[in-house]
N, C-alpha and C. Protein backbone atom coordinates (compact mmCIF):
# COMPACT_ATOMS: atom_id res chain seq x y z
N MET A 1 65.61 204.17 -20.18
CA MET A 1 65.64 205.61 -19.96
C MET A 1 64.76 205.95 -18.75
N PHE A 2 65.29 206.79 -17.89
CA PHE A 2 64.53 207.25 -16.73
C PHE A 2 63.67 208.44 -17.13
N LYS A 3 62.56 208.62 -16.43
CA LYS A 3 61.63 209.70 -16.75
C LYS A 3 62.32 211.07 -16.74
N PHE A 4 63.17 211.31 -15.76
CA PHE A 4 63.80 212.63 -15.64
C PHE A 4 64.68 212.96 -16.83
N GLU A 5 65.19 211.94 -17.51
CA GLU A 5 66.06 212.18 -18.66
C GLU A 5 65.31 212.82 -19.84
N SER A 6 64.00 212.72 -19.82
CA SER A 6 63.21 213.32 -20.90
C SER A 6 62.67 214.71 -20.54
N LEU A 7 63.00 215.16 -19.34
CA LEU A 7 62.49 216.46 -18.88
C LEU A 7 63.46 217.58 -19.20
N ARG A 8 62.96 218.58 -19.90
CA ARG A 8 63.80 219.75 -20.24
C ARG A 8 64.33 220.45 -18.99
N VAL A 9 63.48 220.53 -17.95
CA VAL A 9 63.92 221.22 -16.73
C VAL A 9 65.10 220.50 -16.09
N PHE A 10 65.15 219.19 -16.21
CA PHE A 10 66.28 218.45 -15.65
C PHE A 10 67.57 218.83 -16.38
N HIS A 11 67.51 218.87 -17.69
CA HIS A 11 68.71 219.21 -18.48
C HIS A 11 69.14 220.66 -18.25
N SER A 12 68.16 221.55 -18.13
CA SER A 12 68.49 222.95 -17.81
C SER A 12 69.15 223.04 -16.44
N ALA A 13 68.63 222.30 -15.49
CA ALA A 13 69.18 222.32 -14.13
C ALA A 13 70.60 221.76 -14.10
N THR A 14 70.86 220.69 -14.83
CA THR A 14 72.22 220.14 -14.83
C THR A 14 73.20 221.09 -15.52
N GLN A 15 72.74 221.75 -16.57
CA GLN A 15 73.60 222.73 -17.25
C GLN A 15 73.95 223.88 -16.32
N LEU A 16 72.96 224.40 -15.62
CA LEU A 16 73.21 225.50 -14.70
C LEU A 16 74.09 225.08 -13.52
N ALA A 17 73.89 223.87 -13.02
CA ALA A 17 74.74 223.38 -11.93
C ALA A 17 76.19 223.28 -12.39
N THR A 18 76.39 222.88 -13.62
CA THR A 18 77.75 222.81 -14.18
C THR A 18 78.35 224.20 -14.30
N GLU A 19 77.56 225.16 -14.72
CA GLU A 19 78.06 226.54 -14.83
C GLU A 19 78.36 227.12 -13.45
N ILE A 20 77.51 226.84 -12.48
CA ILE A 20 77.76 227.32 -11.11
C ILE A 20 79.04 226.71 -10.56
N ASP A 21 79.33 225.47 -10.92
CA ASP A 21 80.58 224.85 -10.49
C ASP A 21 81.78 225.65 -10.99
N LEU A 22 81.72 226.10 -12.22
CA LEU A 22 82.82 226.91 -12.76
C LEU A 22 82.93 228.26 -12.06
N VAL A 23 81.79 228.85 -11.74
CA VAL A 23 81.78 230.14 -11.05
C VAL A 23 82.38 230.00 -9.66
N ARG A 24 81.94 229.01 -8.91
CA ARG A 24 82.39 228.87 -7.53
C ARG A 24 83.87 228.50 -7.45
N ARG A 25 84.42 227.93 -8.49
CA ARG A 25 85.86 227.62 -8.50
C ARG A 25 86.71 228.88 -8.49
N SER A 26 86.11 229.99 -8.91
CA SER A 26 86.85 231.25 -8.92
C SER A 26 86.82 231.96 -7.57
N PHE A 27 86.04 231.44 -6.63
CA PHE A 27 85.96 232.05 -5.31
C PHE A 27 87.30 231.92 -4.59
N PRO A 28 87.63 232.88 -3.76
CA PRO A 28 88.90 232.81 -3.00
C PRO A 28 88.86 231.71 -1.94
N ASP A 29 90.03 231.35 -1.46
CA ASP A 29 90.14 230.28 -0.47
C ASP A 29 89.30 230.53 0.78
N ARG A 30 89.11 231.78 1.15
CA ARG A 30 88.34 232.07 2.37
C ARG A 30 86.89 231.59 2.25
N GLU A 31 86.42 231.37 1.03
CA GLU A 31 85.05 230.88 0.81
C GLU A 31 85.01 229.38 0.53
N LYS A 32 86.15 228.72 0.62
CA LYS A 32 86.26 227.29 0.28
C LYS A 32 85.30 226.41 1.10
N TYR A 33 85.10 226.78 2.36
CA TYR A 33 84.23 225.98 3.23
C TYR A 33 82.97 226.72 3.62
N VAL A 34 82.71 227.86 2.97
CA VAL A 34 81.56 228.68 3.33
C VAL A 34 80.58 228.72 2.15
N LEU A 35 80.70 229.73 1.33
CA LEU A 35 79.72 229.94 0.26
C LEU A 35 79.92 229.02 -0.94
N ALA A 36 81.15 228.69 -1.26
CA ALA A 36 81.40 227.86 -2.45
C ALA A 36 80.68 226.51 -2.39
N PRO A 37 80.82 225.74 -1.32
CA PRO A 37 80.10 224.46 -1.30
C PRO A 37 78.59 224.64 -1.17
N GLN A 38 78.17 225.70 -0.52
CA GLN A 38 76.73 225.94 -0.34
C GLN A 38 76.04 226.19 -1.67
N ILE A 39 76.62 227.05 -2.50
CA ILE A 39 76.00 227.35 -3.79
C ILE A 39 76.04 226.13 -4.70
N GLN A 40 77.10 225.34 -4.60
CA GLN A 40 77.18 224.14 -5.43
C GLN A 40 76.15 223.09 -5.01
N ARG A 41 76.03 222.88 -3.70
CA ARG A 41 75.03 221.91 -3.21
C ARG A 41 73.62 222.33 -3.63
N ALA A 42 73.33 223.63 -3.50
CA ALA A 42 72.00 224.10 -3.87
C ALA A 42 71.74 223.92 -5.36
N ALA A 43 72.72 224.27 -6.18
CA ALA A 43 72.56 224.12 -7.64
C ALA A 43 72.40 222.65 -8.03
N ASP A 44 73.21 221.79 -7.44
CA ASP A 44 73.09 220.36 -7.71
C ASP A 44 71.73 219.82 -7.25
N SER A 45 71.27 220.32 -6.13
CA SER A 45 70.02 219.85 -5.54
C SER A 45 68.81 220.11 -6.43
N VAL A 46 68.86 221.17 -7.21
CA VAL A 46 67.75 221.44 -8.13
C VAL A 46 67.57 220.25 -9.06
N ALA A 47 68.63 219.84 -9.72
CA ALA A 47 68.56 218.72 -10.67
C ALA A 47 68.30 217.39 -9.95
N LEU A 48 68.98 217.17 -8.84
CA LEU A 48 68.86 215.89 -8.15
C LEU A 48 67.45 215.65 -7.60
N ASN A 49 66.79 216.70 -7.14
CA ASN A 49 65.42 216.53 -6.66
C ASN A 49 64.44 216.28 -7.79
N ILE A 50 64.70 216.88 -8.95
CA ILE A 50 63.86 216.58 -10.12
C ILE A 50 63.99 215.09 -10.45
N ALA A 51 65.22 214.61 -10.48
CA ALA A 51 65.46 213.20 -10.81
C ALA A 51 64.84 212.28 -9.78
N GLU A 52 65.11 212.56 -8.51
CA GLU A 52 64.61 211.68 -7.45
C GLU A 52 63.09 211.64 -7.42
N GLY A 53 62.47 212.79 -7.57
CA GLY A 53 61.01 212.84 -7.51
C GLY A 53 60.31 212.20 -8.68
N SER A 54 60.98 212.12 -9.80
CA SER A 54 60.33 211.61 -11.01
C SER A 54 60.36 210.09 -11.13
N THR A 55 61.14 209.44 -10.32
CA THR A 55 61.38 208.01 -10.53
C THR A 55 60.37 207.13 -9.81
N GLY A 56 59.32 206.79 -10.54
CA GLY A 56 58.37 205.78 -10.11
C GLY A 56 57.55 206.10 -8.88
N GLN A 57 57.39 207.35 -8.58
CA GLN A 57 56.59 207.71 -7.42
C GLN A 57 55.27 208.32 -7.86
N SER A 58 54.43 208.62 -6.92
CA SER A 58 53.14 209.21 -7.24
C SER A 58 53.31 210.65 -7.71
N ASP A 59 52.27 211.17 -8.35
CA ASP A 59 52.29 212.57 -8.77
C ASP A 59 52.47 213.50 -7.58
N ALA A 60 51.81 213.17 -6.48
CA ALA A 60 51.93 214.00 -5.27
C ALA A 60 53.36 214.03 -4.77
N GLU A 61 54.02 212.89 -4.82
CA GLU A 61 55.41 212.81 -4.36
C GLU A 61 56.33 213.57 -5.32
N PHE A 62 56.07 213.46 -6.61
CA PHE A 62 56.86 214.20 -7.59
C PHE A 62 56.70 215.70 -7.37
N LYS A 63 55.47 216.15 -7.13
CA LYS A 63 55.24 217.57 -6.84
C LYS A 63 56.02 218.01 -5.61
N ARG A 64 56.06 217.14 -4.60
CA ARG A 64 56.79 217.46 -3.37
C ARG A 64 58.27 217.68 -3.67
N PHE A 65 58.85 216.80 -4.46
CA PHE A 65 60.26 216.93 -4.82
C PHE A 65 60.52 218.13 -5.72
N LEU A 66 59.57 218.45 -6.58
CA LEU A 66 59.70 219.67 -7.38
C LEU A 66 59.70 220.90 -6.47
N GLY A 67 58.95 220.81 -5.38
CA GLY A 67 58.98 221.88 -4.38
C GLY A 67 60.37 222.04 -3.77
N PHE A 68 61.03 220.92 -3.51
CA PHE A 68 62.41 220.97 -3.00
C PHE A 68 63.33 221.62 -4.04
N SER A 69 63.12 221.28 -5.30
CA SER A 69 63.92 221.87 -6.38
C SER A 69 63.72 223.38 -6.44
N LEU A 70 62.49 223.80 -6.29
CA LEU A 70 62.20 225.25 -6.30
C LEU A 70 62.93 225.96 -5.17
N ARG A 71 62.88 225.37 -3.98
CA ARG A 71 63.56 225.98 -2.83
C ARG A 71 65.07 226.05 -3.07
N SER A 72 65.61 225.00 -3.64
CA SER A 72 67.05 224.99 -3.91
C SER A 72 67.42 226.03 -4.96
N GLY A 73 66.57 226.20 -5.96
CA GLY A 73 66.82 227.24 -6.96
C GLY A 73 66.83 228.62 -6.34
N LYS A 74 65.92 228.85 -5.43
CA LYS A 74 65.88 230.15 -4.73
C LYS A 74 67.09 230.30 -3.81
N GLU A 75 67.55 229.20 -3.26
CA GLU A 75 68.77 229.25 -2.44
C GLU A 75 69.97 229.65 -3.29
N VAL A 76 70.05 229.15 -4.52
CA VAL A 76 71.13 229.55 -5.42
C VAL A 76 71.08 231.06 -5.65
N VAL A 77 69.88 231.59 -5.88
CA VAL A 77 69.73 233.03 -6.11
C VAL A 77 70.21 233.80 -4.88
N ALA A 78 69.88 233.34 -3.70
CA ALA A 78 70.34 234.00 -2.47
C ALA A 78 71.85 233.93 -2.35
N CYS A 79 72.43 232.79 -2.70
CA CYS A 79 73.90 232.65 -2.69
C CYS A 79 74.55 233.59 -3.69
N LEU A 80 73.92 233.75 -4.84
CA LEU A 80 74.44 234.68 -5.84
C LEU A 80 74.46 236.11 -5.28
N GLU A 81 73.41 236.45 -4.56
CA GLU A 81 73.35 237.78 -3.95
C GLU A 81 74.49 237.96 -2.94
N LEU A 82 74.72 236.96 -2.12
CA LEU A 82 75.83 237.04 -1.16
C LEU A 82 77.17 237.14 -1.91
N ALA A 83 77.32 236.35 -2.95
CA ALA A 83 78.56 236.37 -3.72
C ALA A 83 78.80 237.75 -4.34
N ARG A 84 77.74 238.36 -4.83
CA ARG A 84 77.87 239.70 -5.42
C ARG A 84 78.23 240.72 -4.34
N LYS A 85 77.59 240.64 -3.21
CA LYS A 85 77.86 241.61 -2.13
C LYS A 85 79.26 241.42 -1.54
N ARG A 86 79.80 240.21 -1.65
CA ARG A 86 81.16 239.95 -1.16
C ARG A 86 82.20 240.14 -2.26
N ASP A 87 81.79 240.65 -3.39
CA ASP A 87 82.67 240.87 -4.54
C ASP A 87 83.33 239.59 -5.03
N LEU A 88 82.60 238.48 -4.97
CA LEU A 88 83.09 237.20 -5.48
C LEU A 88 82.71 237.02 -6.94
N ILE A 89 81.62 237.68 -7.33
CA ILE A 89 81.19 237.70 -8.73
C ILE A 89 80.87 239.15 -9.07
N ASP A 90 80.91 239.46 -10.36
CA ASP A 90 80.58 240.82 -10.77
C ASP A 90 79.09 240.93 -11.09
N GLN A 91 78.66 242.13 -11.38
CA GLN A 91 77.24 242.38 -11.65
C GLN A 91 76.76 241.62 -12.88
N TYR A 92 77.62 241.51 -13.89
CA TYR A 92 77.25 240.76 -15.10
C TYR A 92 76.94 239.30 -14.77
N GLN A 93 77.82 238.65 -14.01
CA GLN A 93 77.58 237.26 -13.63
C GLN A 93 76.30 237.13 -12.80
N TYR A 94 76.15 238.04 -11.87
CA TYR A 94 74.95 238.01 -11.03
C TYR A 94 73.69 238.10 -11.90
N ASP A 95 73.65 239.09 -12.78
CA ASP A 95 72.48 239.29 -13.63
C ASP A 95 72.23 238.08 -14.52
N LYS A 96 73.29 237.55 -15.10
CA LYS A 96 73.16 236.38 -15.99
C LYS A 96 72.53 235.21 -15.27
N TYR A 97 73.07 234.84 -14.12
CA TYR A 97 72.57 233.66 -13.41
C TYR A 97 71.25 233.93 -12.70
N TYR A 98 71.02 235.16 -12.32
CA TYR A 98 69.72 235.52 -11.75
C TYR A 98 68.63 235.24 -12.78
N VAL A 99 68.84 235.70 -13.99
CA VAL A 99 67.86 235.49 -15.06
C VAL A 99 67.70 234.01 -15.37
N LEU A 100 68.81 233.29 -15.50
CA LEU A 100 68.74 231.87 -15.84
C LEU A 100 68.05 231.05 -14.76
N PHE A 101 68.34 231.34 -13.49
CA PHE A 101 67.68 230.60 -12.42
C PHE A 101 66.22 231.01 -12.28
N THR A 102 65.90 232.26 -12.55
CA THR A 102 64.50 232.69 -12.54
C THR A 102 63.71 231.93 -13.61
N GLU A 103 64.29 231.80 -14.79
CA GLU A 103 63.63 231.05 -15.87
C GLU A 103 63.48 229.58 -15.49
N LEU A 104 64.51 229.00 -14.89
CA LEU A 104 64.44 227.60 -14.48
C LEU A 104 63.36 227.41 -13.41
N ILE A 105 63.31 228.30 -12.45
CA ILE A 105 62.30 228.22 -11.39
C ILE A 105 60.90 228.30 -11.99
N LYS A 106 60.69 229.19 -12.94
CA LYS A 106 59.39 229.30 -13.60
C LYS A 106 59.04 228.02 -14.34
N SER A 107 60.03 227.40 -14.98
CA SER A 107 59.79 226.15 -15.70
C SER A 107 59.41 225.02 -14.74
N ILE A 108 60.07 224.98 -13.61
CA ILE A 108 59.76 223.95 -12.61
C ILE A 108 58.35 224.19 -12.05
N GLN A 109 58.00 225.46 -11.80
CA GLN A 109 56.66 225.78 -11.32
C GLN A 109 55.61 225.36 -12.34
N HIS A 110 55.90 225.61 -13.61
CA HIS A 110 54.95 225.23 -14.67
C HIS A 110 54.79 223.71 -14.72
N LEU A 111 55.90 222.97 -14.64
CA LEU A 111 55.82 221.51 -14.61
C LEU A 111 55.00 221.04 -13.41
N ARG A 112 55.27 221.63 -12.28
CA ARG A 112 54.57 221.23 -11.04
C ARG A 112 53.06 221.44 -11.18
N LYS A 113 52.66 222.56 -11.77
CA LYS A 113 51.23 222.85 -11.94
C LYS A 113 50.58 221.91 -12.96
N SER A 114 51.37 221.41 -13.91
CA SER A 114 50.82 220.55 -14.96
C SER A 114 50.61 219.11 -14.50
N ILE A 115 51.15 218.76 -13.36
CA ILE A 115 51.02 217.37 -12.86
C ILE A 115 49.70 217.19 -12.13
């Protein structure tokens, strides 16, 4: 078992990345090469940086990768704002994922401070 597999934040991040994948699939074709891949990469990056940083590196290096995860989480929030303003998602979806990513970001910050 890898260290990241025991981290709640990793599982939360993978769940949210999966949900964002479903959301971005509803985007129109005009966003196929613009916002859709950007929001997916950012959402995936949250989980992937947690995993990469946790595997056999120093605490300082893990903190650095958690910082990348935090930035990616904030990028998802910015993408959600663009999607809402472009009428790609409704206010309910925006609010739902805004809250979920805010909670995830807080959890990552808490983990980072505890290291």
